[in-house]
PDB file of N, CA and C in Angstrom:
ATOM      1  N   MET A   1      51.005 -66.567 -24.441  1.00  0.00           N
ATOM      2  CA  MET A   1      49.823 -66.809 -25.255  1.00  0.00           C
ATOM      3  C   MET A   1      49.264 -65.476 -25.745  1.00  0.00           C
ATOM      4  N   ILE A   2      48.842 -65.425 -26.999  1.00  0.00           N
ATOM      5  CA  ILE A   2      48.331 -64.205 -27.603  1.00  0.00           C
ATOM      6  C   ILE A   2      46.846 -64.076 -27.292  1.00  0.00           C
ATOM      7  N   ASP A   3      46.429 -62.886 -26.881  1.00  0.00           N
ATOM      8  CA  ASP A   3      45.016 -62.638 -26.608  1.00  0.00           C
ATOM      9  C   ASP A   3      44.299 -62.417 -27.934  1.00  0.00           C
ATOM     10  N   PHE A   4      43.449 -63.364 -28.310  1.00  0.00           N
ATOM     11  CA  PHE A   4      42.761 -63.349 -29.596  1.00  0.00           C
ATOM     12  C   PHE A   4      41.944 -62.083 -29.804  1.00  0.00           C
ATOM     13  N   MET A   5      41.252 -61.626 -28.788  1.00  0.00           N
ATOM     14  CA  MET A   5      40.392 -60.452 -28.939  1.00  0.00           C
ATOM     15  C   MET A   5      41.206 -59.183 -29.194  1.00  0.00           C
ATOM     16  N   LYS A   6      42.435 -59.109 -28.686  1.00  0.00           N
ATOM     17  CA  LYS A   6      43.264 -57.933 -28.946  1.00  0.00           C
ATOM     18  C   LYS A   6      43.693 -57.886 -30.401  1.00  0.00           C
ATOM     19  N   ILE A   7      43.861 -59.059 -31.018  1.00  0.00           N
ATOM     20  CA  ILE A   7      44.282 -59.118 -32.413  1.00  0.00           C
ATOM     21  C   ILE A   7      43.164 -58.677 -33.344  1.00  0.00           C
ATOM     22  N   ILE A   8      41.970 -59.208 -33.145  1.00  0.00           N
ATOM     23  CA  ILE A   8      40.889 -58.927 -34.088  1.00  0.00           C
ATOM     24  C   ILE A   8      40.035 -57.740 -33.669  1.00  0.00           C
ATOM     25  N   GLY A   9      40.144 -57.324 -32.423  1.00  0.00           N
ATOM     26  CA  GLY A   9      39.300 -56.245 -31.946  1.00  0.00           C
ATOM     27  C   GLY A   9      37.881 -56.737 -31.802  1.00  0.00           C
ATOM     28  N   ARG A  10      37.021 -55.933 -31.240  1.00  0.00           N
ATOM     29  CA  ARG A  10      35.626 -56.319 -31.131  1.00  0.00           C
ATOM     30  C   ARG A  10      34.759 -55.089 -31.037  1.00  0.00           C
ATOM     31  N   LYS A  11      33.550 -55.234 -31.416  1.00  0.00           N
ATOM     32  CA  LYS A  11      32.593 -54.154 -31.379  1.00  0.00           C
ATOM     33  C   LYS A  11      31.867 -54.224 -30.046  1.00  0.00           C
ATOM     34  N   THR A  12      31.845 -53.128 -29.328  1.00  0.00           N
ATOM     35  CA  THR A  12      31.152 -53.127 -28.042  1.00  0.00           C
ATOM     36  C   THR A  12      30.006 -52.140 -28.087  1.00  0.00           C
ATOM     37  N   VAL A  13      28.959 -52.453 -27.367  1.00  0.00           N
ATOM     38  CA  VAL A  13      27.795 -51.583 -27.319  1.00  0.00           C
ATOM     39  C   VAL A  13      27.585 -51.162 -25.878  1.00  0.00           C
ATOM     40  N   LYS A  14      27.519 -49.839 -25.648  1.00  0.00           N
ATOM     41  CA  LYS A  14      27.267 -49.286 -24.319  1.00  0.00           C
ATOM     42  C   LYS A  14      26.101 -48.334 -24.450  1.00  0.00           C
ATOM     43  N   GLY A  15      24.951 -48.768 -23.960  1.00  0.00           N
ATOM     44  CA  GLY A  15      23.763 -47.935 -24.104  1.00  0.00           C
ATOM     45  C   GLY A  15      23.432 -47.790 -25.571  1.00  0.00           C
ATOM     46  N   GLU A  16      23.368 -46.549 -26.046  1.00  0.00           N
ATOM     47  CA  GLU A  16      23.088 -46.322 -27.457  1.00  0.00           C
ATOM     48  C   GLU A  16      24.362 -46.095 -28.265  1.00  0.00           C
ATOM     49  N   LYS A  17      25.515 -45.996 -27.584  1.00  0.00           N
ATOM     50  CA  LYS A  17      26.787 -45.804 -28.276  1.00  0.00           C
ATOM     51  C   LYS A  17      27.352 -47.140 -28.723  1.00  0.00           C
ATOM     52  N   THR A  18      27.966 -47.137 -29.872  1.00  0.00           N
ATOM     53  CA  THR A  18      28.610 -48.340 -30.384  1.00  0.00           C
ATOM     54  C   THR A  18      30.073 -48.020 -30.632  1.00  0.00           C
ATOM     55  N   SER A  19      30.945 -48.870 -30.138  1.00  0.00           N
ATOM     56  CA  SER A  19      32.374 -48.686 -30.326  1.00  0.00           C
ATOM     57  C   SER A  19      32.857 -49.669 -31.372  1.00  0.00           C
ATOM     58  N   ALA A  20      33.532 -49.184 -32.396  1.00  0.00           N
ATOM     59  CA  ALA A  20      34.046 -50.039 -33.460  1.00  0.00           C
ATOM     60  C   ALA A  20      35.336 -50.708 -33.008  1.00  0.00           C
ATOM     61  N   PRO A  21      35.729 -51.808 -33.662  1.00  0.00           N
ATOM     62  CA  PRO A  21      36.994 -52.456 -33.341  1.00  0.00           C
ATOM     63  C   PRO A  21      38.165 -51.493 -33.521  1.00  0.00           C
ATOM     64  N   LYS A  22      39.250 -51.756 -32.797  1.00  0.00           N
ATOM     65  CA  LYS A  22      40.431 -50.899 -32.857  1.00  0.00           C
ATOM     66  C   LYS A  22      40.954 -50.748 -34.280  1.00  0.00           C
ATOM     67  N   ALA A  23      40.916 -51.824 -35.064  1.00  0.00           N
ATOM     68  CA  ALA A  23      41.412 -51.772 -36.436  1.00  0.00           C
ATOM     69  C   ALA A  23      40.653 -50.746 -37.261  1.00  0.00           C
ATOM     70  N   VAL A  24      39.360 -50.608 -37.018  1.00  0.00           N
ATOM     71  CA  VAL A  24      38.551 -49.645 -37.763  1.00  0.00           C
ATOM     72  C   VAL A  24      38.864 -48.235 -37.300  1.00  0.00           C
ATOM     73  N   LYS A  25      38.988 -48.048 -35.998  1.00  0.00           N
ATOM     74  CA  LYS A  25      39.285 -46.720 -35.468  1.00  0.00           C
ATOM     75  C   LYS A  25      40.628 -46.220 -35.966  1.00  0.00           C
ATOM     76  N   ALA A  26      41.605 -47.098 -35.999  1.00  0.00           N
ATOM     77  CA  ALA A  26      42.954 -46.697 -36.388  1.00  0.00           C
ATOM     78  C   ALA A  26      43.087 -46.523 -37.893  1.00  0.00           C
ATOM     79  N   GLY A  27      42.254 -47.218 -38.659  1.00  0.00           N
ATOM     80  CA  GLY A  27      42.384 -47.200 -40.117  1.00  0.00           C
ATOM     81  C   GLY A  27      41.555 -46.111 -40.761  1.00  0.00           C
ATOM     82  N   THR A  28      41.124 -46.395 -41.953  1.00  0.00           N
ATOM     83  CA  THR A  28      40.371 -45.424 -42.748  1.00  0.00           C
ATOM     84  C   THR A  28      38.871 -45.574 -42.564  1.00  0.00           C
ATOM     85  N   GLY A  29      38.492 -46.393 -41.608  1.00  0.00           N
ATOM     86  CA  GLY A  29      37.071 -46.621 -41.419  1.00  0.00           C
ATOM     87  C   GLY A  29      36.576 -47.861 -42.121  1.00  0.00           C
ATOM     88  N   LYS A  30      37.481 -48.572 -42.758  1.00  0.00           N
ATOM     89  CA  LYS A  30      37.108 -49.796 -43.468  1.00  0.00           C
ATOM     90  C   LYS A  30      37.795 -50.972 -42.787  1.00  0.00           C
ATOM     91  N   THR A  31      37.084 -52.066 -42.690  1.00  0.00           N
ATOM     92  CA  THR A  31      37.696 -53.279 -42.163  1.00  0.00           C
ATOM     93  C   THR A  31      38.217 -54.097 -43.327  1.00  0.00           C
ATOM     94  N   LYS A  32      39.149 -54.974 -43.050  1.00  0.00           N
ATOM     95  CA  LYS A  32      39.676 -55.843 -44.085  1.00  0.00           C
ATOM     96  C   LYS A  32      38.627 -56.878 -44.417  1.00  0.00           C
ATOM     97  N   THR A  33      38.445 -57.124 -45.707  1.00  0.00           N
ATOM     98  CA  THR A  33      37.489 -58.129 -46.131  1.00  0.00           C
ATOM     99  C   THR A  33      38.236 -59.238 -46.841  1.00  0.00           C
ATOM    100  N   SER A  34      37.633 -60.366 -46.902  1.00  0.00           N
ATOM    101  CA  SER A  34      38.222 -61.510 -47.567  1.00  0.00           C
ATOM    102  C   SER A  34      38.240 -61.259 -49.072  1.00  0.00           C
ATOM    103  N   SER A  35      39.254 -61.807 -49.742  1.00  0.00           N
ATOM    104  CA  SER A  35      39.341 -61.648 -51.190  1.00  0.00           C
ATOM    105  C   SER A  35      38.525 -62.713 -51.915  1.00  0.00           C
ATOM    106  N   VAL A  36      37.799 -63.529 -51.174  1.00  0.00           N
ATOM    107  CA  VAL A  36      36.951 -64.556 -51.773  1.00  0.00           C
ATOM    108  C   VAL A  36      35.752 -63.890 -52.436  1.00  0.00           C
ATOM    109  N   ALA A  37      35.409 -64.367 -53.595  1.00  0.00           N
ATOM    110  CA  ALA A  37      34.277 -63.801 -54.323  1.00  0.00           C
ATOM    111  C   ALA A  37      32.996 -63.979 -53.512  1.00  0.00           C
ATOM    112  N   SER A  38      32.051 -63.080 -53.719  1.00  0.00           N
ATOM    113  CA  SER A  38      30.799 -63.149 -52.979  1.00  0.00           C
ATOM    114  C   SER A  38      29.885 -64.252 -53.495  1.00  0.00           C
ATOM    115  N   LYS A  39      30.257 -64.874 -54.582  1.00  0.00           N
ATOM    116  CA  LYS A  39      29.471 -65.968 -55.154  1.00  0.00           C
ATOM    117  C   LYS A  39      29.537 -67.167 -54.205  1.00  0.00           C
ATOM    118  N   PRO A  40      28.397 -67.731 -53.840  1.00  0.00           N
ATOM    119  CA  PRO A  40      28.416 -68.874 -52.929  1.00  0.00           C
ATOM    120  C   PRO A  40      29.071 -70.086 -53.581  1.00  0.00           C
ATOM    121  N   ALA A  41      29.718 -70.907 -52.771  1.00  0.00           N
ATOM    122  CA  ALA A  41      30.374 -72.104 -53.283  1.00  0.00           C
ATOM    123  C   ALA A  41      29.339 -73.092 -53.780  1.00  0.00           C
ATOM    124  N   ALA A  42      29.720 -73.833 -54.788  1.00  0.00           N
ATOM    125  CA  ALA A  42      28.830 -74.844 -55.338  1.00  0.00           C
ATOM    126  C   ALA A  42      28.699 -75.998 -54.348  1.00  0.00           C
ATOM    127  N   THR A  43      27.536 -76.562 -54.270  1.00  0.00           N
ATOM    128  CA  THR A  43      27.313 -77.689 -53.380  1.00  0.00           C
ATOM    129  C   THR A  43      27.749 -78.989 -54.044  1.00  0.00           C
ATOM    130  N   TYR A  44      27.878 -80.018 -53.236  1.00  0.00           N
ATOM    131  CA  TYR A  44      28.224 -81.344 -53.742  1.00  0.00           C
ATOM    132  C   TYR A  44      27.226 -81.779 -54.815  1.00  0.00           C
ATOM    133  N   GLU A  45      25.950 -81.537 -54.552  1.00  0.00           N
ATOM    134  CA  GLU A  45      24.910 -81.944 -55.500  1.00  0.00           C
ATOM    135  C   GLU A  45      25.038 -81.212 -56.830  1.00  0.00           C
ATOM    136  N   GLU A  46      25.364 -79.923 -56.787  1.00  0.00           N
ATOM    137  CA  GLU A  46      25.521 -79.147 -58.024  1.00  0.00           C
ATOM    138  C   GLU A  46      26.709 -79.656 -58.835  1.00  0.00           C
ATOM    139  N   ILE A  47      27.808 -79.973 -58.149  1.00  0.00           N
ATOM    140  CA  ILE A  47      28.986 -80.496 -58.843  1.00  0.00           C
ATOM    141  C   ILE A  47      28.670 -81.862 -59.434  1.00  0.00           C
ATOM    142  N   ALA A  48      27.981 -82.701 -58.657  1.00  0.00           N
ATOM    143  CA  ALA A  48      27.607 -84.035 -59.151  1.00  0.00           C
ATOM    144  C   ALA A  48      26.701 -83.933 -60.372  1.00  0.00           C
ATOM    145  N   ARG A  49      25.737 -83.022 -60.327  1.00  0.00           N
ATOM    146  CA  ARG A  49      24.815 -82.839 -61.457  1.00  0.00           C
ATOM    147  C   ARG A  49      25.585 -82.409 -62.707  1.00  0.00           C
ATOM    148  N   ARG A  50      26.483 -81.433 -62.556  1.00  0.00           N
ATOM    149  CA  ARG A  50      27.246 -80.956 -63.713  1.00  0.00           C
ATOM    150  C   ARG A  50      28.181 -82.037 -64.236  1.00  0.00           C
ATOM    151  N   SER A  51      28.778 -82.807 -63.328  1.00  0.00           N
ATOM    152  CA  SER A  51      29.646 -83.903 -63.731  1.00  0.00           C
ATOM    153  C   SER A  51      28.876 -84.927 -64.560  1.00  0.00           C
ATOM    154  N   TYR A  52      27.653 -85.217 -64.154  1.00  0.00           N
ATOM    155  CA  TYR A  52      26.810 -86.156 -64.901  1.00  0.00           C
ATOM    156  C   TYR A  52      26.445 -85.588 -66.273  1.00  0.00           C
ATOM    157  N   GLU A  53      26.186 -84.282 -66.329  1.00  0.00           N
ATOM    158  CA  GLU A  53      25.893 -83.646 -67.619  1.00  0.00           C
ATOM    159  C   GLU A  53      27.091 -83.770 -68.559  1.00  0.00           C
ATOM    160  N   ILE A  54      28.286 -83.584 -68.035  1.00  0.00           N
ATOM    161  CA  ILE A  54      29.504 -83.711 -68.847  1.00  0.00           C
ATOM    162  C   ILE A  54      29.637 -85.148 -69.348  1.00  0.00           C
ATOM    163  N   TYR A  55      29.359 -86.102 -68.473  1.00  0.00           N
ATOM    164  CA  TYR A  55      29.376 -87.525 -68.830  1.00  0.00           C
ATOM    165  C   TYR A  55      28.416 -87.801 -69.994  1.00  0.00           C
ATOM    166  N   LEU A  56      27.225 -87.247 -69.906  1.00  0.00           N
ATOM    167  CA  LEU A  56      26.246 -87.445 -70.978  1.00  0.00           C
ATOM    168  C   LEU A  56      26.673 -86.753 -72.258  1.00  0.00           C
ATOM    169  N   GLU A  57      27.257 -85.561 -72.157  1.00  0.00           N
ATOM    170  CA  GLU A  57      27.732 -84.836 -73.341  1.00  0.00           C
ATOM    171  C   GLU A  57      28.806 -85.638 -74.078  1.00  0.00           C
ATOM    172  N   ARG A  58      29.586 -86.415 -73.340  1.00  0.00           N
ATOM    173  CA  ARG A  58      30.642 -87.226 -73.907  1.00  0.00           C
ATOM    174  C   ARG A  58      30.093 -88.538 -74.470  1.00  0.00           C
ATOM    175  N   GLY A  59      28.787 -88.724 -74.405  1.00  0.00           N
ATOM    176  CA  GLY A  59      28.160 -89.923 -74.948  1.00  0.00           C
ATOM    177  C   GLY A  59      28.080 -91.070 -73.954  1.00  0.00           C
ATOM    178  N   GLY A  60      28.253 -90.792 -72.681  1.00  0.00           N
ATOM    179  CA  GLY A  60      28.145 -91.834 -71.665  1.00  0.00           C
ATOM    180  C   GLY A  60      29.322 -92.781 -71.604  1.00  0.00           C
ATOM    181  N   GLU A  61      30.456 -92.344 -72.126  1.00  0.00           N
ATOM    182  CA  GLU A  61      31.651 -93.183 -72.116  1.00  0.00           C
ATOM    183  C   GLU A  61      32.202 -93.297 -70.697  1.00  0.00           C
ATOM    184  N   HIS A  62      32.386 -94.532 -70.243  1.00  0.00           N
ATOM    185  CA  HIS A  62      32.875 -94.774 -68.885  1.00  0.00           C
ATOM    186  C   HIS A  62      34.388 -94.562 -68.791  1.00  0.00           C
ATOM    187  N   GLY A  63      34.872 -94.404 -67.553  1.00  0.00           N
ATOM    188  CA  GLY A  63      36.314 -94.320 -67.315  1.00  0.00           C
ATOM    189  C   GLY A  63      36.851 -92.909 -67.173  1.00  0.00           C
ATOM    190  N   HIS A  64      35.977 -91.905 -67.122  1.00  0.00           N
ATOM    191  CA  HIS A  64      36.440 -90.525 -67.031  1.00  0.00           C
ATOM    192  C   HIS A  64      35.783 -89.770 -65.873  1.00  0.00           C
ATOM    193  N   ALA A  65      35.386 -90.485 -64.848  1.00  0.00           N
ATOM    194  CA  ALA A  65      34.655 -89.870 -63.737  1.00  0.00           C
ATOM    195  C   ALA A  65      35.460 -88.773 -63.055  1.00  0.00           C
ATOM    196  N   GLU A  66      36.750 -89.026 -62.808  1.00  0.00           N
ATOM    197  CA  GLU A  66      37.581 -88.020 -62.129  1.00  0.00           C
ATOM    198  C   GLU A  66      37.743 -86.766 -62.978  1.00  0.00           C
ATOM    199  N   GLU A  67      37.947 -86.961 -64.276  1.00  0.00           N
ATOM    200  CA  GLU A  67      38.078 -85.823 -65.188  1.00  0.00           C
ATOM    201  C   GLU A  67      36.780 -85.012 -65.232  1.00  0.00           C
ATOM    202  N   ASP A  68      35.645 -85.718 -65.299  1.00  0.00           N
ATOM    203  CA  ASP A  68      34.348 -85.043 -65.338  1.00  0.00           C
ATOM    204  C   ASP A  68      34.119 -84.235 -64.062  1.00  0.00           C
ATOM    205  N   TRP A  69      34.471 -84.842 -62.918  1.00  0.00           N
ATOM    206  CA  TRP A  69      34.278 -84.164 -61.628  1.00  0.00           C
ATOM    207  C   TRP A  69      35.168 -82.917 -61.558  1.00  0.00           C
ATOM    208  N   ALA A  70      36.429 -83.060 -61.959  1.00  0.00           N
ATOM    209  CA  ALA A  70      37.364 -81.927 -61.914  1.00  0.00           C
ATOM    210  C   ALA A  70      36.889 -80.798 -62.827  1.00  0.00           C
ATOM    211  N   ARG A  71      36.401 -81.153 -64.009  1.00  0.00           N
ATOM    212  CA  ARG A  71      35.897 -80.133 -64.937  1.00  0.00           C
ATOM    213  C   ARG A  71      34.671 -79.426 -64.370  1.00  0.00           C
ATOM    214  N   ALA A  72      33.765 -80.204 -63.761  1.00  0.00           N
ATOM    215  CA  ALA A  72      32.564 -79.621 -63.154  1.00  0.00           C
ATOM    216  C   ALA A  72      32.930 -78.666 -62.020  1.00  0.00           C
ATOM    217  N   GLU A  73      33.871 -79.072 -61.177  1.00  0.00           N
ATOM    218  CA  GLU A  73      34.331 -78.192 -60.087  1.00  0.00           C
ATOM    219  C   GLU A  73      34.924 -76.909 -60.651  1.00  0.00           C
ATOM    220  N   ALA A  74      35.765 -77.051 -61.667  1.00  0.00           N
ATOM    221  CA  ALA A  74      36.408 -75.878 -62.259  1.00  0.00           C
ATOM    222  C   ALA A  74      35.373 -74.907 -62.834  1.00  0.00           C
ATOM    223  N   GLU A  75      34.371 -75.448 -63.502  1.00  0.00           N
ATOM    224  CA  GLU A  75      33.332 -74.609 -64.086  1.00  0.00           C
ATOM    225  C   GLU A  75      32.499 -73.908 -63.018  1.00  0.00           C
ATOM    226  N   LEU A  76      32.122 -74.639 -61.990  1.00  0.00           N
ATOM    227  CA  LEU A  76      31.224 -74.082 -60.980  1.00  0.00           C
ATOM    228  C   LEU A  76      31.927 -73.221 -59.930  1.00  0.00           C
ATOM    229  N   LEU A  77      33.185 -73.555 -59.649  1.00  0.00           N
ATOM    230  CA  LEU A  77      33.915 -72.798 -58.622  1.00  0.00           C
ATOM    231  C   LEU A  77      34.817 -71.733 -59.232  1.00  0.00           C
ATOM    232  N   GLY A  78      34.879 -71.702 -60.557  1.00  0.00           N
ATOM    233  CA  GLY A  78      35.669 -70.672 -61.229  1.00  0.00           C
ATOM    234  C   GLY A  78      37.158 -70.861 -61.106  1.00  0.00           C
ATOM    235  N   SER A  79      37.611 -72.089 -60.971  1.00  0.00           N
ATOM    236  CA  SER A  79      39.056 -72.356 -60.841  1.00  0.00           C
ATOM    237  C   SER A  79      39.693 -72.544 -62.177  1.00  0.00           C
TER     238      SER A  79
END
């Protein structure tokens, strides 16, 4: 079994000294960050609201709910 803490390292505090994770000590002083944009994800309500706006823009024509939802997600989540 792999020891999870050895893989990710951990920050320890001893008195006033702080020890950085092993990955930071061994590297350039930077930790790896996620490539996900800092923009918060759209909520269900925001997607629903935009989907309804698209529905209204189309003149309220029924039968395109999935398309409207997919378009709203794409617009709000940047996909």
